[in-house]
Every structure is written in structure tokens, then in C-alpha cells.
Amino acid sequence: MTLKLRAAAVTDRGLIRSGNQDSVHTGDWLIAVADGMGGMAAGDLASRIAIETIAPVDRPTPDEELVPALQGVLGEASGRIRAAVEEEPTRHGMGTTLTALLFSATGTSLALAHIGDSRAYLLRDDVFTQVTRDDTFVQLLVDEGVIDAEQARSHPRRAVVTQALQGEPASPAYSTQPPREGDRWLLCSDGLSNVVRSDSLAEALRSYPDRDACARRLVDLALRAGGPDNITVVIADVADVADDAGE
């Protein structure tokens, strides 16, 4: 059995924003979501820089090189963002979140890189789990027991990100794990996770086997909830190549 990643993405500007600062990548080996910040033009640029910089690692990569490959391109993306700010000082403060998943050439390992408040979720054996931890002020409050997760959803400072790719020193989180056939991953910007509850996310992943239809359903849920932010959704399934050959 040889496992591969099969992905689909949908992005929408939402109902309030005049443009879309999210960027997304879906490939044979790499999926990624970036959510720009720092003003419309600067946010667009930062997320685009991040996705364009990491896209070259969308290639067969040995298991032991997954994390180093991601570390290298995230460092490069941060440097390119710093250079863009130095080139035009009005871009000061621009940055982007980034959540990326890189599948190995053998299909026996995957690596996850994360910084900011975009998220990765995993549906495995019908159990739905948030895999990433938000780099936000309210998450710090939750960790310290000051507020609970439900209070965090409506906290007035829930949009305050504690670290992102901004050309400054940062500590992205990296992890690896073996994939399993039947795993379904959801990567998304906070335009989805801030307005759609996790049980509704899980229900959609279970109810819509088609990846495109599932992604569209999740975007629709965010729009029905008011769509106050840009919404980007990636649905990725881990499939046996033999079973997947007909796609």
C-alpha cells in the first residue's frame, strides 16, 4: 500500500472585507494556508510571499528531510517579508500566518509547520481533533486558566496574534506523524474557525465525502455565520494510490 495526499481548496473574501488577504496552496505533496495581516495591500503581499516561497517544497521529500525542508522555506519567507518592509516602510507591521502540511515521498510520514492562528484539524477513525495551537493572546489566557475555550470565542482581543511570519525572530511549531489511510485533514484560516463551531466542522468532514463539496460546505457555513473575514479551506484525504487511481 502506498499512501498519497489528495486535496481541494476553496477561498472566499467573505461578506465584509473588500478583498482577500488569504493565500493557499494545494499540491501532490504540500498543502498550505496563509492569512495576511497589516493592511490590505501589505496583507495580500505577505501571504503571497509565504505561499510562493514554500511552494518549491511541493516535491517528493525523504521522511528525515521533511522538517528541515519546512524550516528552510519558512525562514526564507520571513526574510523575504523583512526585505519587502525595508523596501517600503509603509508596509511596517505586515505579516502572515502559515499552516502547512508536507507529505513524504514514501507516504510513511508527514510534517506540519504552524505559526499564527490559522489551524489544522484531523479527522481520524471518526475522532475530530485540533492539531495546531493558536499563537494568540486569548490562547495564552486559556492556557493560564483565566478564561475557557467558549469565552475565548467571543473575547474582544481574540484577533490578537502573538507571533507570525513578519521578518522578525519567531518560533514556528513543527511536528511529524505517520499518516493513516482514511485520514482527513482540514487546514483553514480563522475566517472559518472563528465563526463555525468545531462540532459543525466535524459534521461537514464526515458528511461530505467529496473534497470539493466539503470545502464549499464549510465556506458556506462561514458565510451563513456572517462571513466577517476572508475564508480559506483546504480538505485533504490520505488515500491508497491503488484505490485512488481512478481520480
Protein backbone atom coordinates (compact mmCIF):
# COMPACT_ATOMS: atom_id res chain seq x y z
CA MET A 1 0.00 0.00 0.00
CA THR A 2 1.31 3.43 -0.97
CA LEU A 3 -0.36 6.43 0.61
CA LYS A 4 -0.74 9.79 -1.11
CA LEU A 5 -2.36 13.12 -0.29
CA ARG A 6 -5.36 14.30 -2.34
CA ALA A 7 -6.55 17.86 -1.68
CA ALA A 8 -9.07 20.51 -2.69
CA ALA A 9 -9.31 24.16 -1.66
CA VAL A 10 -11.86 26.97 -1.68
CA THR A 11 -11.18 30.59 -0.73
CA ASP A 12 -13.69 33.43 -0.40
CA ARG A 13 -13.31 37.07 0.60
CA GLY A 14 -16.35 36.83 2.92
CA LEU A 15 -19.21 39.28 3.25
CA ILE A 16 -17.46 42.24 4.90
CA ARG A 17 -13.92 42.55 3.56
CA SER A 18 -13.33 44.32 0.25
CA GLY A 19 -10.51 41.94 -0.76
CA ASN A 20 -8.97 38.60 0.12
CA GLN A 21 -5.70 38.59 2.09
CA ASP A 22 -5.59 34.79 2.32
CA SER A 23 -3.36 32.68 0.07
CA VAL A 24 -3.47 28.92 -0.42
CA HIS A 25 -1.51 26.09 -2.00
CA THR A 26 -2.65 22.56 -2.79
CA GLY A 27 -0.29 20.14 -4.49
CA ASP A 28 0.62 16.47 -4.60
CA TRP A 29 2.90 16.71 -1.55
CA LEU A 30 2.19 20.07 0.11
CA ILE A 31 -0.90 21.92 1.31
CA ALA A 32 -0.76 25.32 2.99
CA VAL A 33 -2.90 28.23 4.15
CA ALA A 34 -1.62 31.75 4.86
CA ASP A 35 -3.67 34.64 6.28
CA GLY A 36 -2.09 38.05 5.74
CA MET A 37 -2.21 40.97 8.14
CA GLY A 38 -1.05 44.57 8.25
CA GLY A 39 -3.41 46.41 5.91
CA MET A 40 -4.97 45.27 2.68
CA ALA A 41 -2.05 45.66 0.27
CA ALA A 42 0.54 44.53 2.81
CA GLY A 43 -1.53 41.55 3.98
CA ASP A 44 -2.00 40.39 0.41
CA LEU A 45 1.72 40.66 -0.20
CA ALA A 46 2.81 38.89 2.97
CA SER A 47 0.58 35.86 2.48
CA ARG A 48 1.53 35.66 -1.19
CA ILE A 49 5.24 35.80 -0.33
CA ALA A 50 4.79 32.97 2.17
CA ILE A 51 2.96 30.70 -0.25
CA GLU A 52 5.25 31.45 -3.17
CA THR A 53 8.30 30.77 -1.01
CA ILE A 54 7.16 27.42 0.36
CA ALA A 55 5.66 26.13 -2.91
CA PRO A 56 9.01 24.73 -4.18
CA VAL A 57 9.00 22.06 -1.43
CA ASP A 58 5.93 20.54 -3.10
CA ARG A 59 8.03 17.62 -4.28
CA PRO A 60 8.96 14.12 -3.12
CA THR A 61 10.94 14.55 0.10
CA PRO A 62 12.54 11.83 2.27
CA ASP A 63 11.00 11.38 5.71
CA GLU A 64 14.02 12.72 7.57
CA GLU A 65 14.14 15.88 5.44
CA LEU A 66 10.52 16.99 5.92
CA VAL A 67 11.02 19.27 8.91
CA PRO A 68 14.34 20.73 7.70
CA ALA A 69 12.71 21.50 4.35
CA LEU A 70 9.86 23.36 6.05
CA GLN A 71 12.21 25.16 8.43
CA GLY A 72 14.25 26.36 5.49
CA VAL A 73 11.38 27.78 3.48
CA LEU A 74 9.69 29.40 6.50
CA GLY A 75 12.97 31.11 7.32
CA GLU A 76 13.29 32.23 3.73
CA ALA A 77 9.71 33.53 3.70
CA SER A 78 10.36 35.57 6.83
CA GLY A 79 13.48 37.05 5.24
CA ARG A 80 11.58 37.96 2.08
CA ILE A 81 8.89 39.67 4.14
CA ARG A 82 11.56 41.62 6.03
CA ALA A 83 13.08 42.73 2.71
CA ALA A 84 9.67 43.85 1.45
CA VAL A 85 9.19 46.01 4.55
CA GLU A 86 12.66 47.52 4.21
CA GLU A 87 11.88 48.32 0.57
CA GLU A 88 8.67 50.15 1.51
CA PRO A 89 8.43 51.38 5.14
CA THR A 90 4.65 51.84 4.93
CA ARG A 91 4.48 48.05 4.99
CA HIS A 92 5.79 48.01 8.57
CA GLY A 93 3.72 45.59 10.64
CA MET A 94 2.73 43.36 7.76
CA GLY A 95 2.94 39.63 8.26
CA THR A 96 1.13 36.39 7.75
CA THR A 97 0.08 33.23 9.49
CA LEU A 98 1.11 29.97 7.90
CA THR A 99 -0.08 26.42 8.41
CA ALA A 100 1.45 23.85 6.07
CA LEU A 101 1.48 20.07 5.78
CA LEU A 102 4.20 18.27 3.81
CA PHE A 103 3.77 14.61 2.83
CA SER A 104 6.83 12.39 2.42
CA ALA A 105 7.91 10.65 -0.77
CA THR A 106 7.36 7.24 0.83
CA GLY A 107 3.90 8.06 2.16
CA THR A 108 5.02 6.95 5.62
CA SER A 109 5.39 10.36 7.30
CA LEU A 110 4.08 13.89 7.19
CA ALA A 111 5.28 17.10 8.77
CA LEU A 112 3.22 20.04 9.96
CA ALA A 113 4.50 23.61 10.27
CA HIS A 114 2.44 26.26 12.03
CA ILE A 115 2.65 29.87 13.12
CA GLY A 116 -0.24 32.24 13.88
CA ASP A 117 -3.93 31.42 14.17
CA SER A 118 -4.76 29.53 11.01
CA ARG A 119 -5.49 25.95 12.00
CA ALA A 120 -5.05 22.29 11.13
CA TYR A 121 -7.62 19.70 12.18
CA LEU A 122 -7.55 15.93 11.72
CA LEU A 123 -10.48 13.53 11.39
CA ARG A 124 -9.11 10.05 12.13
CA ASP A 125 -11.21 6.99 12.94
CA ASP A 126 -14.19 9.36 13.32
CA VAL A 127 -12.37 11.38 16.03
CA PHE A 128 -12.01 15.09 15.21
CA THR A 129 -9.00 16.86 16.72
CA GLN A 130 -7.49 20.34 16.51
CA VAL A 131 -3.83 19.58 15.85
CA THR A 132 -2.38 23.10 15.94
CA ARG A 133 -2.31 25.52 18.85
CA ASP A 134 -3.20 29.15 18.14
CA ASP A 135 -0.48 31.74 18.64
CA THR A 136 -2.91 34.28 20.11
CA PHE A 137 -3.43 36.35 23.22
CA VAL A 138 -6.67 34.56 24.11
CA GLN A 139 -4.98 31.16 23.80
CA LEU A 140 -2.48 32.32 26.41
CA LEU A 141 -5.42 33.23 28.66
CA VAL A 142 -6.95 29.80 28.09
CA ASP A 143 -3.62 28.10 28.86
CA GLU A 144 -3.37 30.08 32.12
CA GLY A 145 -6.94 29.18 33.11
CA VAL A 146 -8.10 32.81 33.04
CA ILE A 147 -10.87 32.04 30.51
CA ASP A 148 -12.22 28.86 28.96
CA ALA A 149 -12.43 27.93 25.28
CA GLU A 150 -16.03 29.09 24.99
CA GLN A 151 -15.20 32.52 26.43
CA ALA A 152 -12.26 32.77 24.02
CA ARG A 153 -14.65 32.58 21.06
CA SER A 154 -16.16 35.97 21.91
CA HIS A 155 -13.23 37.67 23.66
CA PRO A 156 -12.67 41.22 22.32
CA ARG A 157 -8.95 40.52 21.77
CA ARG A 158 -9.39 37.14 20.07
CA ALA A 159 -7.81 38.50 16.86
CA VAL A 160 -4.53 39.48 18.56
CA VAL A 161 -1.82 37.18 17.20
CA THR A 162 1.28 36.71 19.37
CA GLN A 163 3.56 35.58 16.56
CA ALA A 164 3.52 35.35 12.77
CA LEU A 165 5.91 35.49 9.82
CA GLN A 166 6.86 39.19 9.96
CA GLY A 167 10.58 39.24 9.22
CA GLU A 168 11.40 39.12 12.93
CA PRO A 169 12.60 36.25 15.15
CA ALA A 170 9.78 33.75 15.69
CA SER A 171 9.33 30.15 16.73
CA PRO A 172 7.04 28.22 14.38
CA ALA A 173 5.85 24.85 15.67
CA TYR A 174 6.91 21.72 13.80
CA SER A 175 5.70 18.16 14.27
CA THR A 176 5.69 14.86 12.42
CA GLN A 177 3.46 11.83 12.46
CA PRO A 178 2.73 8.74 10.36
CA PRO A 179 -0.35 9.15 8.16
CA ARG A 180 -3.12 6.56 8.01
CA GLU A 181 -5.34 5.63 5.12
CA GLY A 182 -8.68 7.38 5.60
CA ASP A 183 -7.26 10.38 7.46
CA ARG A 184 -8.98 13.63 6.51
CA TRP A 185 -7.19 16.93 7.16
CA LEU A 186 -8.73 20.39 7.34
CA LEU A 187 -6.47 23.43 7.06
CA CYS A 188 -8.21 26.79 7.34
CA SER A 189 -7.84 30.48 8.06
CA ASP A 190 -9.58 31.93 11.11
CA GLY A 191 -12.35 33.22 8.88
CA LEU A 192 -13.75 29.71 9.24
CA SER A 193 -12.68 28.62 12.71
CA ASN A 194 -13.70 31.88 14.42
CA VAL A 195 -17.33 31.63 13.32
CA VAL A 196 -18.08 27.91 12.84
CA ARG A 197 -18.03 25.65 15.88
CA SER A 198 -15.80 22.58 15.89
CA ASP A 199 -18.73 20.17 16.04
CA SER A 200 -20.10 21.70 12.83
CA LEU A 201 -16.67 21.41 11.21
CA ALA A 202 -16.51 17.74 12.16
CA GLU A 203 -20.03 17.09 10.89
CA ALA A 204 -19.16 18.55 7.48
CA LEU A 205 -15.99 16.45 7.21
CA ARG A 206 -17.99 13.33 8.00
CA SER A 207 -20.98 14.15 5.79
CA TYR A 208 -19.31 15.25 2.54
CA PRO A 209 -17.01 12.56 1.10
CA ASP A 210 -16.23 14.70 -1.95
CA ARG A 211 -13.40 17.08 -1.04
CA ASP A 212 -14.58 19.98 -3.19
CA ALA A 213 -18.13 19.68 -1.89
CA CYS A 214 -16.86 19.52 1.70
CA ALA A 215 -14.73 22.64 1.26
CA ARG A 216 -17.64 24.52 -0.33
CA ARG A 217 -19.93 23.43 2.51
CA LEU A 218 -17.54 24.79 5.12
CA VAL A 219 -17.21 28.13 3.32
CA ASP A 220 -20.99 28.29 3.09
CA LEU A 221 -21.28 27.72 6.85
CA ALA A 222 -18.87 30.62 7.49
CA LEU A 223 -20.85 32.87 5.14
CA ARG A 224 -24.10 31.93 6.86
CA ALA A 225 -22.46 32.91 10.16
CA GLY A 226 -21.87 36.40 8.79
CA GLY A 227 -18.63 35.90 6.87
CA PRO A 228 -16.82 38.76 8.67
CA ASP A 229 -13.37 37.73 7.43
CA ASN A 230 -11.70 36.05 4.48
CA ILE A 231 -12.34 32.31 4.46
CA THR A 232 -9.92 29.70 3.15
CA VAL A 233 -10.44 25.95 3.44
CA VAL A 234 -8.29 23.01 2.37
CA ILE A 235 -9.64 19.47 2.61
CA ALA A 236 -7.01 16.75 2.17
CA ASP A 237 -7.52 12.99 2.26
CA VAL A 238 -4.88 10.31 2.77
CA ALA A 239 -5.63 7.61 0.22
CA ASP A 240 -4.07 4.43 -1.08
CA VAL A 241 -2.75 5.09 -4.58
CA ALA A 242 -4.30 1.84 -5.83
CA ASP A 243 -7.76 2.87 -4.60
CA ASP A 244 -7.22 6.45 -5.79
CA ALA A 245 -6.04 5.65 -9.32
CA GLY A 246 -9.34 6.40 -10.95
CA GLU A 247 -9.46 10.04 -9.85
